[in-house]
């Protein structure tokens, strides 16, 4: 029996599907905290770039990531030990009405040495204010204006010494 040709091997790999392909290595990632984020907060992921894994920062689009997050500019930094880190920033650009689960997306970074996986990060986003307020005078939703101090009339000389 003769060994299978290249065409037969390619056909066998295609039939086996994506599970037969080796998975891309998972990157070392310093994730932001996963709780307590509000409108305007900036969340930074730091992805360790192994030697030979050069990333084109322009490859990831700077756009909305779901309803609440926007991907901002990417940059490559070096730490004190000379290791390279890809910094990916996301900003919370919308405020939910109640506490809400969200996530930073999983990414596959295309590099010269092959793809690099960045896992998703589940997180929570909070509202700017609670819908229901407390039943105490100083903490109610609508409050009257503060009382103003009387302003002396112009031309009054009552404050001047004799």
N, C-alpha and C. Protein backbone atom coordinates (compact mmCIF):
# COMPACT_ATOMS: atom_id res chain seq x y z
N UNK A 1 0.85 -1.17 0.00
CA UNK A 1 0.00 0.00 0.00
C UNK A 1 0.89 1.23 0.00
N UNK A 2 0.62 2.20 -0.91
CA UNK A 2 1.48 3.38 -0.99
C UNK A 2 0.95 4.47 -0.04
N UNK A 3 1.86 5.32 0.45
CA UNK A 3 1.47 6.37 1.40
C UNK A 3 0.56 7.39 0.72
N UNK A 4 -0.33 8.02 1.48
CA UNK A 4 -1.24 8.99 0.88
C UNK A 4 -0.48 10.20 0.38
N UNK A 5 -0.98 10.80 -0.68
CA UNK A 5 -0.37 11.99 -1.24
C UNK A 5 -0.75 13.23 -0.46
N UNK A 6 -0.19 14.37 -0.88
CA UNK A 6 -0.45 15.64 -0.23
C UNK A 6 -1.92 16.02 -0.33
N UNK A 7 -2.54 15.77 -1.47
CA UNK A 7 -3.95 16.11 -1.66
C UNK A 7 -4.82 15.35 -0.67
N UNK A 8 -4.49 14.06 -0.42
CA UNK A 8 -5.28 13.26 0.51
C UNK A 8 -5.12 13.78 1.94
N UNK A 9 -3.91 14.24 2.30
CA UNK A 9 -3.70 14.78 3.64
C UNK A 9 -4.45 16.09 3.84
N UNK A 10 -4.42 16.97 2.82
CA UNK A 10 -5.16 18.24 2.91
C UNK A 10 -6.65 17.96 3.03
N UNK A 11 -7.17 17.02 2.25
CA UNK A 11 -8.58 16.66 2.31
C UNK A 11 -8.92 16.12 3.69
N UNK A 12 -8.05 15.34 4.29
CA UNK A 12 -8.32 14.79 5.63
C UNK A 12 -8.35 15.90 6.67
N UNK A 13 -7.45 16.89 6.57
CA UNK A 13 -7.45 18.00 7.51
C UNK A 13 -8.69 18.87 7.35
N UNK A 14 -9.14 19.09 6.12
CA UNK A 14 -10.35 19.88 5.88
C UNK A 14 -11.57 19.16 6.43
N UNK A 15 -11.63 17.87 6.27
CA UNK A 15 -12.77 17.10 6.76
C UNK A 15 -12.81 17.06 8.28
N UNK A 16 -11.64 17.08 8.93
CA UNK A 16 -11.62 17.07 10.37
C UNK A 16 -12.07 18.40 10.97
N UNK A 17 -11.99 19.47 10.22
CA UNK A 17 -12.48 20.76 10.67
C UNK A 17 -11.46 21.51 11.49
N UNK A 18 -11.91 22.63 12.07
CA UNK A 18 -10.99 23.49 12.79
C UNK A 18 -10.40 22.87 14.05
N UNK A 19 -11.04 21.85 14.62
CA UNK A 19 -10.50 21.24 15.83
C UNK A 19 -9.18 20.54 15.57
N UNK A 20 -8.90 20.19 14.33
CA UNK A 20 -7.64 19.52 14.02
C UNK A 20 -6.48 20.50 13.95
N UNK A 21 -6.77 21.77 13.70
CA UNK A 21 -5.72 22.77 13.61
C UNK A 21 -5.23 23.10 15.02
N UNK A 22 -3.93 23.31 15.16
CA UNK A 22 -3.42 23.64 16.49
C UNK A 22 -3.95 25.00 16.94
N UNK A 23 -4.30 25.10 18.20
CA UNK A 23 -4.83 26.37 18.73
C UNK A 23 -3.69 27.36 18.88
N UNK A 24 -4.02 28.63 18.66
CA UNK A 24 -3.03 29.68 18.83
C UNK A 24 -2.71 29.80 20.33
N UNK A 25 -1.46 30.09 20.66
CA UNK A 25 -1.10 30.21 22.07
C UNK A 25 -1.84 31.37 22.73
N UNK A 26 -2.16 31.19 24.01
CA UNK A 26 -2.84 32.25 24.77
C UNK A 26 -1.78 33.17 25.33
N UNK A 27 -1.97 34.46 25.12
CA UNK A 27 -1.01 35.46 25.56
C UNK A 27 -1.08 35.65 27.07
N UNK A 28 0.01 36.13 27.64
CA UNK A 28 0.02 36.57 29.03
C UNK A 28 -0.59 37.96 29.04
N UNK A 29 -1.66 38.13 29.81
CA UNK A 29 -2.39 39.40 29.79
C UNK A 29 -2.55 39.92 31.21
N UNK A 30 -2.25 41.19 31.42
CA UNK A 30 -2.57 41.88 32.66
C UNK A 30 -3.90 42.57 32.43
N UNK A 31 -4.95 42.05 33.08
CA UNK A 31 -6.30 42.55 32.86
C UNK A 31 -6.62 43.65 33.89
N UNK A 32 -7.53 44.57 33.53
CA UNK A 32 -8.00 45.54 34.52
C UNK A 32 -8.93 44.85 35.51
N UNK A 33 -9.27 45.51 36.60
CA UNK A 33 -10.22 44.90 37.54
C UNK A 33 -11.54 44.70 36.80
N UNK A 34 -12.34 43.76 37.25
CA UNK A 34 -13.54 43.40 36.51
C UNK A 34 -14.81 43.99 37.09
N UNK A 35 -14.73 44.92 38.04
CA UNK A 35 -15.93 45.47 38.67
C UNK A 35 -15.76 46.96 38.91
N UNK A 36 -16.89 47.63 39.13
CA UNK A 36 -16.87 49.03 39.55
C UNK A 36 -16.60 50.04 38.47
N UNK A 37 -16.92 49.75 37.22
CA UNK A 37 -16.65 50.70 36.14
C UNK A 37 -17.87 51.55 35.83
N UNK A 38 -17.63 52.83 35.55
CA UNK A 38 -18.69 53.79 35.26
C UNK A 38 -18.37 54.53 33.96
N UNK A 39 -19.32 55.32 33.51
CA UNK A 39 -19.16 56.13 32.30
C UNK A 39 -17.86 56.94 32.36
N UNK A 40 -17.07 56.88 31.30
CA UNK A 40 -15.82 57.63 31.21
C UNK A 40 -14.59 56.87 31.64
N UNK A 41 -14.75 55.76 32.37
CA UNK A 41 -13.59 55.00 32.82
C UNK A 41 -12.83 54.42 31.63
N UNK A 42 -11.51 54.36 31.76
CA UNK A 42 -10.65 53.77 30.74
C UNK A 42 -10.05 52.49 31.32
N UNK A 43 -10.25 51.38 30.62
CA UNK A 43 -9.76 50.07 31.05
C UNK A 43 -8.59 49.69 30.15
N UNK A 44 -7.47 49.30 30.74
CA UNK A 44 -6.27 48.97 29.97
C UNK A 44 -5.92 47.50 30.11
N UNK A 45 -5.80 46.82 28.97
CA UNK A 45 -5.28 45.45 28.92
C UNK A 45 -3.83 45.57 28.48
N UNK A 46 -2.95 44.84 29.15
CA UNK A 46 -1.55 44.79 28.74
C UNK A 46 -1.24 43.37 28.31
N UNK A 47 -0.90 43.21 27.03
CA UNK A 47 -0.65 41.90 26.44
C UNK A 47 0.85 41.75 26.22
N UNK A 48 1.43 40.74 26.85
CA UNK A 48 2.87 40.48 26.70
C UNK A 48 3.14 39.95 25.31
N UNK A 49 4.07 40.59 24.60
CA UNK A 49 4.44 40.19 23.25
C UNK A 49 5.75 39.40 23.30
N UNK A 50 5.68 38.08 23.11
CA UNK A 50 6.92 37.29 23.09
C UNK A 50 7.80 37.71 21.91
N UNK A 51 9.08 37.36 21.98
CA UNK A 51 10.00 37.69 20.89
C UNK A 51 9.46 37.14 19.58
N UNK A 52 9.53 37.94 18.53
CA UNK A 52 9.07 37.53 17.21
C UNK A 52 7.59 37.80 16.98
N UNK A 53 6.86 38.15 18.01
CA UNK A 53 5.43 38.44 17.88
C UNK A 53 5.24 39.95 17.78
N UNK A 54 5.53 40.48 16.60
CA UNK A 54 5.34 41.90 16.35
C UNK A 54 3.91 42.12 15.88
N UNK A 55 3.23 43.08 16.48
CA UNK A 55 1.83 43.36 16.17
C UNK A 55 1.74 44.71 15.49
N UNK A 56 0.96 44.76 14.43
CA UNK A 56 0.66 46.02 13.78
C UNK A 56 -0.50 46.66 14.54
N UNK A 57 -0.22 47.75 15.26
CA UNK A 57 -1.24 48.39 16.09
C UNK A 57 -2.41 48.89 15.26
N UNK A 58 -2.20 49.14 13.99
CA UNK A 58 -3.29 49.62 13.14
C UNK A 58 -4.21 48.48 12.69
N UNK A 59 -3.84 47.23 12.98
CA UNK A 59 -4.64 46.09 12.55
C UNK A 59 -5.97 45.99 13.29
N UNK A 60 -6.02 46.44 14.54
CA UNK A 60 -7.28 46.42 15.30
C UNK A 60 -8.01 47.73 15.09
N UNK A 61 -9.26 47.67 14.68
CA UNK A 61 -9.99 48.91 14.43
C UNK A 61 -10.30 49.65 15.73
N UNK A 62 -10.29 50.97 15.66
CA UNK A 62 -10.65 51.80 16.81
C UNK A 62 -12.13 52.12 16.67
N UNK A 63 -12.96 51.33 17.31
CA UNK A 63 -14.40 51.54 17.16
C UNK A 63 -15.15 51.00 18.36
N UNK A 64 -16.47 51.08 18.29
CA UNK A 64 -17.31 50.60 19.37
C UNK A 64 -17.18 49.09 19.50
N UNK A 65 -17.19 48.64 20.74
CA UNK A 65 -17.18 47.22 21.05
C UNK A 65 -18.45 46.99 21.87
N UNK A 66 -19.54 46.74 21.17
CA UNK A 66 -20.81 46.61 21.86
C UNK A 66 -21.41 47.97 22.15
N UNK A 67 -22.40 47.98 23.01
CA UNK A 67 -23.14 49.21 23.31
C UNK A 67 -22.40 50.12 24.28
N UNK A 68 -21.53 49.57 25.12
CA UNK A 68 -20.98 50.34 26.22
C UNK A 68 -19.49 50.66 26.15
N UNK A 69 -18.75 50.01 25.27
CA UNK A 69 -17.31 50.19 25.24
C UNK A 69 -16.83 50.65 23.87
N UNK A 70 -15.71 51.37 23.87
CA UNK A 70 -15.07 51.79 22.63
C UNK A 70 -13.58 51.51 22.75
N UNK A 71 -13.02 50.85 21.72
CA UNK A 71 -11.58 50.57 21.70
C UNK A 71 -10.86 51.85 21.31
N UNK A 72 -9.84 52.21 22.08
CA UNK A 72 -9.07 53.41 21.83
C UNK A 72 -7.73 53.05 21.19
N UNK A 73 -6.86 54.02 21.09
CA UNK A 73 -5.56 53.81 20.45
C UNK A 73 -4.75 52.73 21.15
N UNK A 74 -4.01 51.96 20.36
CA UNK A 74 -3.14 50.91 20.88
C UNK A 74 -1.70 51.41 20.83
N UNK A 75 -0.89 50.89 21.74
CA UNK A 75 0.52 51.26 21.72
C UNK A 75 1.35 50.11 22.27
N UNK A 76 2.62 50.09 21.94
CA UNK A 76 3.54 49.08 22.44
C UNK A 76 4.48 49.79 23.41
N UNK A 77 4.61 49.21 24.61
CA UNK A 77 5.49 49.76 25.65
C UNK A 77 6.52 48.72 26.04
N UNK A 78 7.60 49.17 26.65
CA UNK A 78 8.61 48.27 27.22
C UNK A 78 8.62 48.49 28.72
N UNK A 79 8.71 47.38 29.47
CA UNK A 79 8.81 47.50 30.93
C UNK A 79 10.27 47.64 31.33
N UNK A 80 10.53 47.68 32.63
CA UNK A 80 11.90 47.87 33.13
C UNK A 80 12.83 46.73 32.73
N UNK A 81 12.27 45.55 32.50
CA UNK A 81 13.09 44.39 32.10
C UNK A 81 13.28 44.33 30.58
N UNK A 82 12.72 45.28 29.84
CA UNK A 82 12.88 45.31 28.39
C UNK A 82 11.85 44.49 27.64
N UNK A 83 10.88 43.88 28.36
CA UNK A 83 9.84 43.10 27.68
C UNK A 83 8.84 44.04 27.02
N UNK A 84 8.31 43.59 25.88
CA UNK A 84 7.35 44.40 25.14
C UNK A 84 5.92 44.02 25.52
N UNK A 85 5.06 45.03 25.68
CA UNK A 85 3.65 44.85 26.02
C UNK A 85 2.81 45.67 25.06
N UNK A 86 1.77 45.04 24.52
CA UNK A 86 0.79 45.76 23.72
C UNK A 86 -0.29 46.25 24.68
N UNK A 87 -0.51 47.55 24.72
CA UNK A 87 -1.52 48.14 25.60
C UNK A 87 -2.77 48.43 24.76
N UNK A 88 -3.88 47.78 25.14
CA UNK A 88 -5.16 47.98 24.46
C UNK A 88 -6.08 48.67 25.45
N UNK A 89 -6.56 49.87 25.09
CA UNK A 89 -7.43 50.62 25.99
C UNK A 89 -8.86 50.61 25.48
N UNK A 90 -9.78 50.49 26.42
CA UNK A 90 -11.21 50.58 26.15
C UNK A 90 -11.78 51.66 27.06
N UNK A 91 -12.72 52.45 26.54
CA UNK A 91 -13.38 53.46 27.37
C UNK A 91 -14.86 53.15 27.46
N UNK A 92 -15.42 53.32 28.66
CA UNK A 92 -16.86 53.16 28.86
C UNK A 92 -17.52 54.42 28.31
N UNK A 93 -18.33 54.27 27.24
CA UNK A 93 -18.90 55.43 26.55
C UNK A 93 -20.42 55.52 26.67
N UNK A 94 -21.02 54.62 27.44
CA UNK A 94 -22.46 54.65 27.61
C UNK A 94 -22.73 54.16 29.03
N UNK A 95 -23.79 54.65 29.63
CA UNK A 95 -24.10 54.28 31.01
C UNK A 95 -25.37 53.44 31.06
N UNK A 96 -25.30 52.25 31.64
CA UNK A 96 -26.52 51.45 31.76
C UNK A 96 -27.43 52.03 32.86
N UNK A 97 -28.70 51.63 32.84
CA UNK A 97 -29.64 52.11 33.86
C UNK A 97 -29.51 51.33 35.17
N UNK A 98 -29.01 50.11 35.08
CA UNK A 98 -28.78 49.28 36.25
C UNK A 98 -27.42 48.62 36.11
N UNK A 99 -26.96 48.00 37.19
CA UNK A 99 -25.70 47.27 37.12
C UNK A 99 -25.82 46.21 36.03
N UNK A 100 -24.80 46.10 35.17
CA UNK A 100 -24.90 45.30 33.97
C UNK A 100 -23.63 44.49 33.74
N UNK A 101 -23.76 43.21 33.34
CA UNK A 101 -22.57 42.46 32.94
C UNK A 101 -22.18 42.81 31.51
N UNK A 102 -20.90 42.91 31.27
CA UNK A 102 -20.36 43.17 29.92
C UNK A 102 -19.04 42.40 29.83
N UNK A 103 -18.29 42.60 28.75
CA UNK A 103 -16.98 41.96 28.67
C UNK A 103 -16.10 42.66 27.66
N UNK A 104 -14.80 42.61 27.94
CA UNK A 104 -13.83 43.00 26.92
C UNK A 104 -13.75 41.80 25.99
N UNK A 105 -13.73 42.02 24.69
CA UNK A 105 -13.80 40.89 23.76
C UNK A 105 -12.52 40.07 23.71
N UNK A 106 -12.69 38.80 23.36
CA UNK A 106 -11.54 37.95 23.06
C UNK A 106 -10.98 38.41 21.71
N UNK A 107 -9.67 38.38 21.58
CA UNK A 107 -9.02 38.81 20.34
C UNK A 107 -8.03 37.77 19.88
N UNK A 108 -7.85 37.69 18.57
CA UNK A 108 -6.76 36.92 17.99
C UNK A 108 -5.86 37.92 17.28
N UNK A 109 -4.68 38.12 17.84
CA UNK A 109 -3.73 39.07 17.26
C UNK A 109 -2.88 38.37 16.22
N UNK A 110 -2.88 38.90 15.01
CA UNK A 110 -2.04 38.35 13.94
C UNK A 110 -0.64 38.92 14.10
N UNK A 111 0.34 38.03 14.26
CA UNK A 111 1.73 38.47 14.40
C UNK A 111 2.59 37.74 13.37
N UNK A 112 3.82 38.21 13.23
CA UNK A 112 4.74 37.59 12.28
C UNK A 112 5.04 36.14 12.67
N UNK A 113 5.01 35.83 13.96
CA UNK A 113 5.32 34.47 14.42
C UNK A 113 4.07 33.61 14.58
N UNK A 114 2.93 34.11 14.15
CA UNK A 114 1.68 33.35 14.26
C UNK A 114 0.69 34.06 15.16
N UNK A 115 -0.53 33.56 15.19
CA UNK A 115 -1.57 34.23 15.97
C UNK A 115 -1.34 34.10 17.47
N UNK A 116 -1.87 35.06 18.20
CA UNK A 116 -1.76 35.11 19.64
C UNK A 116 -3.15 35.41 20.19
N UNK A 117 -3.64 34.55 21.10
CA UNK A 117 -5.00 34.70 21.65
C UNK A 117 -5.00 35.59 22.89
N UNK A 118 -5.96 36.52 22.94
CA UNK A 118 -6.22 37.32 24.13
C UNK A 118 -7.60 36.93 24.62
N UNK A 119 -7.70 36.36 25.83
CA UNK A 119 -9.01 35.91 26.30
C UNK A 119 -9.94 37.07 26.64
N UNK A 120 -11.24 36.80 26.60
CA UNK A 120 -12.25 37.79 26.98
C UNK A 120 -12.17 38.03 28.48
N UNK A 121 -12.64 39.19 28.92
CA UNK A 121 -12.68 39.51 30.35
C UNK A 121 -14.09 39.94 30.71
N UNK A 122 -14.80 39.14 31.51
CA UNK A 122 -16.12 39.58 31.97
C UNK A 122 -15.94 40.71 33.00
N UNK A 123 -16.83 41.68 32.93
CA UNK A 123 -16.77 42.80 33.86
C UNK A 123 -18.16 43.35 34.11
N UNK A 124 -18.28 44.24 35.07
CA UNK A 124 -19.57 44.86 35.36
C UNK A 124 -19.47 46.37 35.16
N UNK A 125 -20.56 46.93 34.64
CA UNK A 125 -20.66 48.36 34.43
C UNK A 125 -21.81 48.88 35.28
N UNK A 126 -21.60 50.00 35.93
CA UNK A 126 -22.62 50.55 36.81
C UNK A 126 -23.25 51.80 36.24
N UNK A 127 -24.45 52.12 36.73
CA UNK A 127 -25.13 53.34 36.29
C UNK A 127 -24.50 54.57 36.94
N UNK A 128 -24.81 55.75 36.39
CA UNK A 128 -24.31 56.98 37.00
C UNK A 128 -24.99 57.23 38.34
N UNK A 129 -26.26 56.89 38.44
CA UNK A 129 -27.00 57.05 39.68
C UNK A 129 -28.05 55.96 39.78
N UNK A 130 -28.49 55.68 40.97
CA UNK A 130 -29.51 54.66 41.15
C UNK A 130 -30.87 55.20 40.73
N UNK A 131 -31.73 54.35 40.23
CA UNK A 131 -33.07 54.78 39.85
C UNK A 131 -33.88 55.17 41.07
N UNK A 132 -33.80 54.39 42.12
CA UNK A 132 -34.53 54.69 43.34
C UNK A 132 -33.58 55.32 44.34
N UNK A 133 -34.04 56.37 44.98
CA UNK A 133 -33.20 57.02 45.98
C UNK A 133 -33.66 56.63 47.37
N UNK A 134 -32.96 57.10 48.35
CA UNK A 134 -33.28 56.77 49.73
C UNK A 134 -34.42 57.64 50.23
N UNK A 135 -35.13 57.18 51.23
CA UNK A 135 -36.27 57.91 51.76
C UNK A 135 -35.82 58.79 52.93
N UNK A 136 -34.84 59.61 52.68
CA UNK A 136 -34.38 60.57 53.67
C UNK A 136 -34.31 61.92 52.99
N UNK A 137 -34.59 62.97 53.72
CA UNK A 137 -34.71 64.31 53.12
C UNK A 137 -33.48 64.70 52.33
N UNK A 138 -32.29 64.52 52.88
CA UNK A 138 -31.08 64.97 52.22
C UNK A 138 -30.67 64.09 51.04
N UNK A 139 -31.31 62.93 50.87
CA UNK A 139 -30.91 62.00 49.83
C UNK A 139 -32.01 61.76 48.79
N UNK A 140 -33.04 62.56 48.76
CA UNK A 140 -34.11 62.37 47.80
C UNK A 140 -33.64 62.79 46.41
N UNK A 141 -34.34 62.29 45.39
CA UNK A 141 -33.93 62.54 44.01
C UNK A 141 -34.00 64.03 43.67
N UNK A 142 -35.13 64.67 43.96
CA UNK A 142 -35.26 66.10 43.68
C UNK A 142 -35.18 66.86 44.99
N UNK A 143 -34.35 67.88 45.00
CA UNK A 143 -34.19 68.68 46.20
C UNK A 143 -34.37 70.14 45.84
N UNK A 144 -34.86 70.94 46.79
CA UNK A 144 -35.01 72.37 46.52
C UNK A 144 -33.64 73.03 46.40
N UNK A 145 -33.61 74.19 45.77
CA UNK A 145 -32.37 74.96 45.70
C UNK A 145 -31.95 75.37 47.10
N UNK A 146 -30.67 75.59 47.25
CA UNK A 146 -30.18 76.08 48.55
C UNK A 146 -30.66 77.51 48.75
N UNK A 147 -30.92 77.87 49.98
CA UNK A 147 -31.31 79.25 50.28
C UNK A 147 -30.12 80.16 50.04
N UNK A 148 -30.38 81.31 49.45
CA UNK A 148 -29.31 82.27 49.17
C UNK A 148 -29.20 83.27 50.31
N UNK A 149 -28.02 83.79 50.48
CA UNK A 149 -27.80 84.82 51.49
C UNK A 149 -28.25 86.16 50.93
N UNK A 150 -28.81 87.03 51.75
CA UNK A 150 -29.22 88.35 51.24
C UNK A 150 -27.98 89.16 50.82
N UNK A 151 -28.12 89.87 49.73
CA UNK A 151 -27.04 90.70 49.20
C UNK A 151 -27.35 92.14 49.58
N UNK A 152 -26.37 92.85 50.15
CA UNK A 152 -26.65 94.26 50.50
C UNK A 152 -26.90 95.08 49.24
N UNK A 153 -27.78 96.03 49.36
CA UNK A 153 -28.13 96.87 48.21
C UNK A 153 -26.96 97.77 47.87
N UNK A 154 -26.87 98.13 46.60
CA UNK A 154 -25.79 99.01 46.14
C UNK A 154 -26.01 100.38 46.76
N UNK A 155 -24.94 101.02 47.15
CA UNK A 155 -25.02 102.36 47.73
C UNK A 155 -25.25 102.34 49.22
N UNK A 156 -25.43 101.18 49.81
CA UNK A 156 -25.64 101.09 51.25
C UNK A 156 -24.31 101.27 51.93
N UNK A 157 -24.23 102.13 52.95
CA UNK A 157 -22.98 102.42 53.63
C UNK A 157 -23.04 101.91 55.07
N UNK A 158 -23.91 100.96 55.34
CA UNK A 158 -24.07 100.49 56.70
C UNK A 158 -22.84 99.70 57.16
N UNK A 159 -22.10 99.13 56.19
CA UNK A 159 -20.95 98.31 56.55
C UNK A 159 -19.69 99.13 56.81
N UNK A 160 -19.67 100.41 56.39
CA UNK A 160 -18.46 101.22 56.52
C UNK A 160 -18.34 101.83 57.91
N UNK A 161 -17.11 101.89 58.46
CA UNK A 161 -16.92 102.53 59.78
C UNK A 161 -17.06 104.04 59.69
N UNK A 162 -17.41 104.72 60.75
CA UNK A 162 -17.56 106.19 60.77
C UNK A 162 -16.26 106.89 60.79
